[in-house]
């Protein structure tokens, strides 16, 4: 297995988990990546090292790194709806993005994983699940059978997504949440931490609680 170069977008907490997953995959022999560095737009981060890997430029400079693959680590409740624009700002073709899977993640043979997706340690993707492109799945999260995760979505740590669920493009499910079977989470919706979602969540809406209820006054809610 020959070394391939990879660059991570963003220097935040998700990116640290992705860097750790890359190094763990290398150590386990399930991948062979050479980490070239990080691209990040915060001026003070340029030249700083994160887990031993330096910030070597801004996101718009991605195209100058010929032959490198890329993976995005930028997503939070403040930035998750910007992920498509972040990917677009690289100016890169789809085939330049690589998926990163921690060796302690479990992926069913019949599951499908999109390009540029990261799945961190302890997470489980069950049979017939479909995970889209540029999805971030943090530690110890389970995606059950016949569930579809849309492009650019984020599932935080210890999320339980049960069967026959549809999580829309660019949605964000916060840590410790549980999504009941056959529920749909709409595009760009936000599920608050520790929520138990029993009903569909419309696109752009915000829910939280057990059972989850809509937060109409949330600053994260998108108007129709």
C-alpha atoms as a PDB file:
ATOM      1  CA  UNK A   1       0.000   0.000   0.000  1.00  0.00           C
ATOM      2  CA  UNK A   2       1.651   3.238  -1.137  1.00  0.00           C
ATOM      3  CA  UNK A   3       1.524   6.488   0.848  1.00  0.00           C
ATOM      4  CA  UNK A   4      -0.995   9.092  -0.278  1.00  0.00           C
ATOM      5  CA  UNK A   5      -0.949  12.698   0.888  1.00  0.00           C
ATOM      6  CA  UNK A   6      -3.955  14.145   2.709  1.00  0.00           C
ATOM      7  CA  UNK A   7      -4.841  17.586   4.055  1.00  0.00           C
ATOM      8  CA  UNK A   8      -7.518  18.284   6.675  1.00  0.00           C
ATOM      9  CA  UNK A   9      -9.755  21.357   6.426  1.00  0.00           C
ATOM     10  CA  UNK A  10     -10.070  23.140   9.762  1.00  0.00           C
ATOM     11  CA  UNK A  11      -8.099  23.085  13.003  1.00  0.00           C
ATOM     12  CA  UNK A  12     -10.974  22.596  15.452  1.00  0.00           C
ATOM     13  CA  UNK A  13     -12.012  19.651  17.585  1.00  0.00           C
ATOM     14  CA  UNK A  14     -13.528  17.588  14.780  1.00  0.00           C
ATOM     15  CA  UNK A  15     -10.306  17.900  12.809  1.00  0.00           C
ATOM     16  CA  UNK A  16      -8.323  16.611  15.779  1.00  0.00           C
ATOM     17  CA  UNK A  17     -10.533  13.523  15.784  1.00  0.00           C
ATOM     18  CA  UNK A  18     -10.000  13.089  12.055  1.00  0.00           C
ATOM     19  CA  UNK A  19      -6.223  13.452  12.397  1.00  0.00           C
ATOM     20  CA  UNK A  20      -6.311  10.814  15.136  1.00  0.00           C
ATOM     21  CA  UNK A  21      -8.397   8.523  12.898  1.00  0.00           C
ATOM     22  CA  UNK A  22      -5.912   8.889  10.037  1.00  0.00           C
ATOM     23  CA  UNK A  23      -2.994   8.031  12.282  1.00  0.00           C
ATOM     24  CA  UNK A  24      -4.879   5.089  13.809  1.00  0.00           C
ATOM     25  CA  UNK A  25      -5.747   3.756  10.344  1.00  0.00           C
ATOM     26  CA  UNK A  26      -2.099   4.021   9.331  1.00  0.00           C
ATOM     27  CA  UNK A  27      -1.007   2.168  12.476  1.00  0.00           C
ATOM     28  CA  UNK A  28      -3.609  -0.556  11.903  1.00  0.00           C
ATOM     29  CA  UNK A  29      -2.641  -0.971   8.246  1.00  0.00           C
ATOM     30  CA  UNK A  30      -6.135  -0.139   6.979  1.00  0.00           C
ATOM     31  CA  UNK A  31      -4.832   2.986   5.244  1.00  0.00           C
ATOM     32  CA  UNK A  32      -1.533   4.601   4.334  1.00  0.00           C
ATOM     33  CA  UNK A  33      -1.845   8.372   4.466  1.00  0.00           C
ATOM     34  CA  UNK A  34       0.889  10.986   4.742  1.00  0.00           C
ATOM     35  CA  UNK A  35      -0.603  14.010   6.513  1.00  0.00           C
ATOM     36  CA  UNK A  36       0.673  17.119   4.736  1.00  0.00           C
ATOM     37  CA  UNK A  37      -0.995  19.545   7.128  1.00  0.00           C
ATOM     38  CA  UNK A  38      -4.132  21.567   7.798  1.00  0.00           C
ATOM     39  CA  UNK A  39      -5.849  24.416   5.962  1.00  0.00           C
ATOM     40  CA  UNK A  40      -7.594  26.931   8.223  1.00  0.00           C
ATOM     41  CA  UNK A  41      -8.863  30.489   7.742  1.00  0.00           C
ATOM     42  CA  UNK A  42      -8.136  31.823  11.248  1.00  0.00           C
ATOM     43  CA  UNK A  43      -5.064  34.065  10.726  1.00  0.00           C
ATOM     44  CA  UNK A  44      -3.575  33.284  14.134  1.00  0.00           C
ATOM     45  CA  UNK A  45      -3.531  29.574  13.366  1.00  0.00           C
ATOM     46  CA  UNK A  46      -1.179  29.834  10.388  1.00  0.00           C
ATOM     47  CA  UNK A  47       2.021  27.971  11.246  1.00  0.00           C
ATOM     48  CA  UNK A  48       0.612  26.524  14.473  1.00  0.00           C
ATOM     49  CA  UNK A  49       0.755  22.771  15.011  1.00  0.00           C
ATOM     50  CA  UNK A  50      -2.235  20.657  16.028  1.00  0.00           C
ATOM     51  CA  UNK A  51      -1.415  17.085  17.073  1.00  0.00           C
ATOM     52  CA  UNK A  52       1.949  17.681  15.451  1.00  0.00           C
ATOM     53  CA  UNK A  53       0.557  18.858  12.098  1.00  0.00           C
ATOM     54  CA  UNK A  54       0.908  22.479  10.991  1.00  0.00           C
ATOM     55  CA  UNK A  55      -1.592  24.853   9.450  1.00  0.00           C
ATOM     56  CA  UNK A  56      -0.029  25.389   6.029  1.00  0.00           C
ATOM     57  CA  UNK A  57      -2.494  27.759   4.408  1.00  0.00           C
ATOM     58  CA  UNK A  58      -6.062  28.941   3.921  1.00  0.00           C
ATOM     59  CA  UNK A  59      -8.935  26.912   2.508  1.00  0.00           C
ATOM     60  CA  UNK A  60      -8.896  28.877  -0.764  1.00  0.00           C
ATOM     61  CA  UNK A  61      -5.314  27.685  -1.332  1.00  0.00           C
ATOM     62  CA  UNK A  62      -6.287  24.006  -1.576  1.00  0.00           C
ATOM     63  CA  UNK A  63      -5.853  23.834  -5.341  1.00  0.00           C
ATOM     64  CA  UNK A  64      -2.130  24.610  -5.121  1.00  0.00           C
ATOM     65  CA  UNK A  65      -1.463  21.318  -3.313  1.00  0.00           C
ATOM     66  CA  UNK A  66      -1.254  19.054  -6.336  1.00  0.00           C
ATOM     67  CA  UNK A  67      -1.756  15.360  -5.767  1.00  0.00           C
ATOM     68  CA  UNK A  68      -3.177  15.728  -2.244  1.00  0.00           C
ATOM     69  CA  UNK A  69      -6.480  14.357  -1.072  1.00  0.00           C
ATOM     70  CA  UNK A  70      -8.649  16.399   1.305  1.00  0.00           C
ATOM     71  CA  UNK A  71     -11.183  15.828   4.069  1.00  0.00           C
ATOM     72  CA  UNK A  72     -13.306  18.406   5.888  1.00  0.00           C
ATOM     73  CA  UNK A  73     -13.359  18.681   9.679  1.00  0.00           C
ATOM     74  CA  UNK A  74     -15.282  21.954  10.008  1.00  0.00           C
ATOM     75  CA  UNK A  75     -18.710  21.643  11.613  1.00  0.00           C
ATOM     76  CA  UNK A  76     -20.364  23.097  14.702  1.00  0.00           C
ATOM     77  CA  UNK A  77     -23.771  24.518  15.547  1.00  0.00           C
ATOM     78  CA  UNK A  78     -22.459  27.855  14.271  1.00  0.00           C
ATOM     79  CA  UNK A  79     -20.900  26.572  11.035  1.00  0.00           C
ATOM     80  CA  UNK A  80     -22.692  23.398   9.912  1.00  0.00           C
ATOM     81  CA  UNK A  81     -24.837  25.124   7.302  1.00  0.00           C
ATOM     82  CA  UNK A  82     -21.680  26.575   5.717  1.00  0.00           C
ATOM     83  CA  UNK A  83     -20.124  23.187   4.904  1.00  0.00           C
ATOM     84  CA  UNK A  84     -21.208  23.164   1.223  1.00  0.00           C
ATOM     85  CA  UNK A  85     -19.647  26.614   0.772  1.00  0.00           C
ATOM     86  CA  UNK A  86     -16.476  25.514   2.564  1.00  0.00           C
ATOM     87  CA  UNK A  87     -16.112  22.583   0.182  1.00  0.00           C
ATOM     88  CA  UNK A  88     -16.862  24.835  -2.804  1.00  0.00           C
ATOM     89  CA  UNK A  89     -14.211  27.360  -1.709  1.00  0.00           C
ATOM     90  CA  UNK A  90     -11.512  24.745  -2.190  1.00  0.00           C
ATOM     91  CA  UNK A  91     -12.224  24.759  -5.933  1.00  0.00           C
ATOM     92  CA  UNK A  92     -11.522  21.014  -6.004  1.00  0.00           C
ATOM     93  CA  UNK A  93     -13.180  18.259  -7.995  1.00  0.00           C
ATOM     94  CA  UNK A  94     -15.195  15.669  -6.062  1.00  0.00           C
ATOM     95  CA  UNK A  95     -12.591  12.960  -6.610  1.00  0.00           C
ATOM     96  CA  UNK A  96     -10.021  14.956  -4.598  1.00  0.00           C
ATOM     97  CA  UNK A  97     -11.903  14.228  -1.365  1.00  0.00           C
ATOM     98  CA  UNK A  98     -11.148  11.074   0.625  1.00  0.00           C
ATOM     99  CA  UNK A  99     -13.131   9.270   3.300  1.00  0.00           C
ATOM    100  CA  UNK A 100     -11.471   8.663   6.661  1.00  0.00           C
ATOM    101  CA  UNK A 101     -12.675   5.717   8.750  1.00  0.00           C
ATOM    102  CA  UNK A 102     -11.187   4.933  12.138  1.00  0.00           C
ATOM    103  CA  UNK A 103     -10.159   1.259  12.403  1.00  0.00           C
ATOM    104  CA  UNK A 104     -12.343   0.908  15.504  1.00  0.00           C
ATOM    105  CA  UNK A 105     -15.443   1.952  13.553  1.00  0.00           C
ATOM    106  CA  UNK A 106     -17.661  -0.852  12.235  1.00  0.00           C
ATOM    107  CA  UNK A 107     -19.073  -0.572   8.717  1.00  0.00           C
ATOM    108  CA  UNK A 108     -21.510  -3.238   7.480  1.00  0.00           C
ATOM    109  CA  UNK A 109     -20.670  -4.800   4.124  1.00  0.00           C
ATOM    110  CA  UNK A 110     -23.979  -3.625   2.659  1.00  0.00           C
ATOM    111  CA  UNK A 111     -23.663  -0.045   3.927  1.00  0.00           C
ATOM    112  CA  UNK A 112     -22.619   2.700   1.509  1.00  0.00           C
ATOM    113  CA  UNK A 113     -20.253   5.515   2.483  1.00  0.00           C
ATOM    114  CA  UNK A 114     -19.851   8.653   0.367  1.00  0.00           C
ATOM    115  CA  UNK A 115     -16.728  10.575  -0.594  1.00  0.00           C
ATOM    116  CA  UNK A 116     -15.084  12.921   1.888  1.00  0.00           C
ATOM    117  CA  UNK A 117     -16.897  11.376   4.854  1.00  0.00           C
ATOM    118  CA  UNK A 118     -15.287  10.803   8.269  1.00  0.00           C
ATOM    119  CA  UNK A 119     -16.400   8.101  10.715  1.00  0.00           C
ATOM    120  CA  UNK A 120     -14.621   8.146  14.059  1.00  0.00           C
ATOM    121  CA  UNK A 121     -13.797   5.537  16.702  1.00  0.00           C
ATOM    122  CA  UNK A 122     -16.545   3.335  18.103  1.00  0.00           C
ATOM    123  CA  UNK A 123     -19.183   4.319  15.558  1.00  0.00           C
ATOM    124  CA  UNK A 124     -21.285   1.655  13.835  1.00  0.00           C
ATOM    125  CA  UNK A 125     -22.889   1.866  10.386  1.00  0.00           C
ATOM    126  CA  UNK A 126     -25.424  -0.950  10.098  1.00  0.00           C
ATOM    127  CA  UNK A 127     -26.615  -2.992   7.083  1.00  0.00           C
ATOM    128  CA  UNK A 128     -28.292  -1.148   4.203  1.00  0.00           C
ATOM    129  CA  UNK A 129     -27.494   2.267   5.687  1.00  0.00           C
ATOM    130  CA  UNK A 130     -26.489   4.997   3.240  1.00  0.00           C
ATOM    131  CA  UNK A 131     -24.136   7.771   4.335  1.00  0.00           C
ATOM    132  CA  UNK A 132     -23.696  10.643   1.884  1.00  0.00           C
ATOM    133  CA  UNK A 133     -20.723  12.779   0.859  1.00  0.00           C
ATOM    134  CA  UNK A 134     -18.830  15.045   3.293  1.00  0.00           C
ATOM    135  CA  UNK A 135     -20.639  13.652   6.342  1.00  0.00           C
ATOM    136  CA  UNK A 136     -18.983  13.861   9.778  1.00  0.00           C
ATOM    137  CA  UNK A 137     -19.860  11.092  12.253  1.00  0.00           C
ATOM    138  CA  UNK A 138     -18.153  11.526  15.605  1.00  0.00           C
ATOM    139  CA  UNK A 139     -17.252   8.927  18.223  1.00  0.00           C
ATOM    140  CA  UNK A 140     -19.577   6.136  19.425  1.00  0.00           C
ATOM    141  CA  UNK A 141     -22.500   6.985  17.175  1.00  0.00           C
ATOM    142  CA  UNK A 142     -24.724   4.311  15.624  1.00  0.00           C
ATOM    143  CA  UNK A 143     -26.554   4.556  12.306  1.00  0.00           C
ATOM    144  CA  UNK A 144     -29.027   1.724  12.105  1.00  0.00           C
ATOM    145  CA  UNK A 145     -30.357  -0.297   9.194  1.00  0.00           C
ATOM    146  CA  UNK A 146     -32.049   1.294   6.152  1.00  0.00           C
ATOM    147  CA  UNK A 147     -31.220   4.805   7.334  1.00  0.00           C
ATOM    148  CA  UNK A 148     -30.045   7.522   4.959  1.00  0.00           C
ATOM    149  CA  UNK A 149     -27.721  10.344   6.022  1.00  0.00           C
ATOM    150  CA  UNK A 150     -27.701  13.217   3.536  1.00  0.00           C
ATOM    151  CA  UNK A 151     -24.659  14.989   2.141  1.00  0.00           C
ATOM    152  CA  UNK A 152     -22.869  17.457   4.470  1.00  0.00           C
ATOM    153  CA  UNK A 153     -24.739  16.244   7.582  1.00  0.00           C
ATOM    154  CA  UNK A 154     -23.081  16.026  11.001  1.00  0.00           C
ATOM    155  CA  UNK A 155     -23.791  13.459  13.719  1.00  0.00           C
ATOM    156  CA  UNK A 156     -22.058  14.346  16.985  1.00  0.00           C
ATOM    157  CA  UNK A 157     -20.751  11.871  19.552  1.00  0.00           C
ATOM    158  CA  UNK A 158     -22.959   9.145  21.088  1.00  0.00           C
ATOM    159  CA  UNK A 159     -25.907   9.740  18.775  1.00  0.00           C
ATOM    160  CA  UNK A 160     -28.314   6.827  18.223  1.00  0.00           C
ATOM    161  CA  UNK A 161     -30.030   6.849  14.846  1.00  0.00           C
ATOM    162  CA  UNK A 162     -32.511   3.976  14.637  1.00  0.00           C
ATOM    163  CA  UNK A 163     -33.913   2.232  11.568  1.00  0.00           C
ATOM    164  CA  UNK A 164     -35.583   3.694   8.463  1.00  0.00           C
ATOM    165  CA  UNK A 165     -34.621   7.269   9.327  1.00  0.00           C
ATOM    166  CA  UNK A 166     -33.904   9.995   6.791  1.00  0.00           C
ATOM    167  CA  UNK A 167     -31.519  12.739   7.909  1.00  0.00           C
ATOM    168  CA  UNK A 168     -31.463  15.549   5.384  1.00  0.00           C
ATOM    169  CA  UNK A 169     -28.690  17.392   3.631  1.00  0.00           C
ATOM    170  CA  UNK A 170     -26.679  19.660   5.925  1.00  0.00           C
ATOM    171  CA  UNK A 171     -28.566  18.662   9.085  1.00  0.00           C
ATOM    172  CA  UNK A 172     -26.829  18.638  12.490  1.00  0.00           C
ATOM    173  CA  UNK A 173     -27.655  16.161  15.265  1.00  0.00           C
ATOM    174  CA  UNK A 174     -26.017  17.140  18.548  1.00  0.00           C
ATOM    175  CA  UNK A 175     -24.356  14.776  20.986  1.00  0.00           C
ATOM    176  CA  UNK A 176     -26.284  12.213  23.025  1.00  0.00           C
ATOM    177  CA  UNK A 177     -29.435  12.433  20.916  1.00  0.00           C
ATOM    178  CA  UNK A 178     -31.690   9.554  19.903  1.00  0.00           C
ATOM    179  CA  UNK A 179     -33.783   9.566  16.719  1.00  0.00           C
ATOM    180  CA  UNK A 180     -36.804   7.235  16.729  1.00  0.00           C
ATOM    181  CA  UNK A 181     -37.484   4.880  13.785  1.00  0.00           C
ATOM    182  CA  UNK A 182     -38.982   6.283  10.563  1.00  0.00           C
ATOM    183  CA  UNK A 183     -38.463   9.914  11.576  1.00  0.00           C
ATOM    184  CA  UNK A 184     -37.279  12.447   9.001  1.00  0.00           C
ATOM    185  CA  UNK A 185     -34.884  15.239   9.956  1.00  0.00           C
ATOM    186  CA  UNK A 186     -35.189  17.947   7.312  1.00  0.00           C
ATOM    187  CA  UNK A 187     -32.410  19.680   5.390  1.00  0.00           C
ATOM    188  CA  UNK A 188     -30.383  22.137   7.514  1.00  0.00           C
ATOM    189  CA  UNK A 189     -32.337  21.222  10.669  1.00  0.00           C
ATOM    190  CA  UNK A 190     -30.665  21.258  14.086  1.00  0.00           C
ATOM    191  CA  UNK A 191     -31.293  18.746  16.879  1.00  0.00           C
ATOM    192  CA  UNK A 192     -30.120  19.935  20.293  1.00  0.00           C
ATOM    193  CA  UNK A 193     -27.907  17.898  22.609  1.00  0.00           C
ATOM    194  CA  UNK A 194     -29.505  14.986  24.450  1.00  0.00           C
ATOM    195  CA  UNK A 195     -32.758  15.182  22.510  1.00  0.00           C
ATOM    196  CA  UNK A 196     -35.154  12.282  21.928  1.00  0.00           C
ATOM    197  CA  UNK A 197     -36.763  12.931  18.541  1.00  0.00           C
ATOM    198  CA  UNK A 198     -40.079  11.137  18.060  1.00  0.00           C
ATOM    199  CA  UNK A 199     -41.552  13.227  15.219  1.00  0.00           C
ATOM    200  CA  UNK A 200     -40.367  14.658  11.912  1.00  0.00           C
ATOM    201  CA  UNK A 201     -38.339  17.878  12.058  1.00  0.00           C
ATOM    202  CA  UNK A 202     -39.051  20.327   9.202  1.00  0.00           C
ATOM    203  CA  UNK A 203     -36.183  21.723   7.152  1.00  0.00           C
ATOM    204  CA  UNK A 204     -34.312  24.534   8.879  1.00  0.00           C
ATOM    205  CA  UNK A 205     -36.089  24.059  12.210  1.00  0.00           C
ATOM    206  CA  UNK A 206     -34.515  23.552  15.635  1.00  0.00           C
ATOM    207  CA  UNK A 207     -35.701  21.003  18.205  1.00  0.00           C
ATOM    208  CA  UNK A 208     -34.477  20.018  21.667  1.00  0.00           C
ATOM    209  CA  UNK A 209     -35.566  18.095  24.737  1.00  0.00           C
ATOM    210  CA  UNK A 210     -37.102  14.747  25.697  1.00  0.00           C
ATOM    211  CA  UNK A 211     -39.364  14.440  23.853  1.00  0.00           C
ATOM    212  CA  UNK A 212     -37.923  16.965  21.413  1.00  0.00           C
ATOM    213  CA  UNK A 213     -39.976  20.094  20.820  1.00  0.00           C
ATOM    214  CA  UNK A 214     -39.497  22.935  18.394  1.00  0.00           C
ATOM    215  CA  UNK A 215     -37.604  26.001  19.595  1.00  0.00           C
ATOM    216  CA  UNK A 216     -39.301  28.687  17.545  1.00  0.00           C
ATOM    217  CA  UNK A 217     -37.266  31.527  19.045  1.00  0.00           C
ATOM    218  CA  UNK A 218     -33.879  29.891  18.452  1.00  0.00           C
ATOM    219  CA  UNK A 219     -31.348  32.020  16.604  1.00  0.00           C
ATOM    220  CA  UNK A 220     -30.435  28.887  14.640  1.00  0.00           C
ATOM    221  CA  UNK A 221     -33.902  28.511  13.117  1.00  0.00           C
ATOM    222  CA  UNK A 222     -34.134  29.210   9.393  1.00  0.00           C
ATOM    223  CA  UNK A 223     -37.264  31.026   8.283  1.00  0.00           C
ATOM    224  CA  UNK A 224     -39.230  29.247   5.529  1.00  0.00           C
END
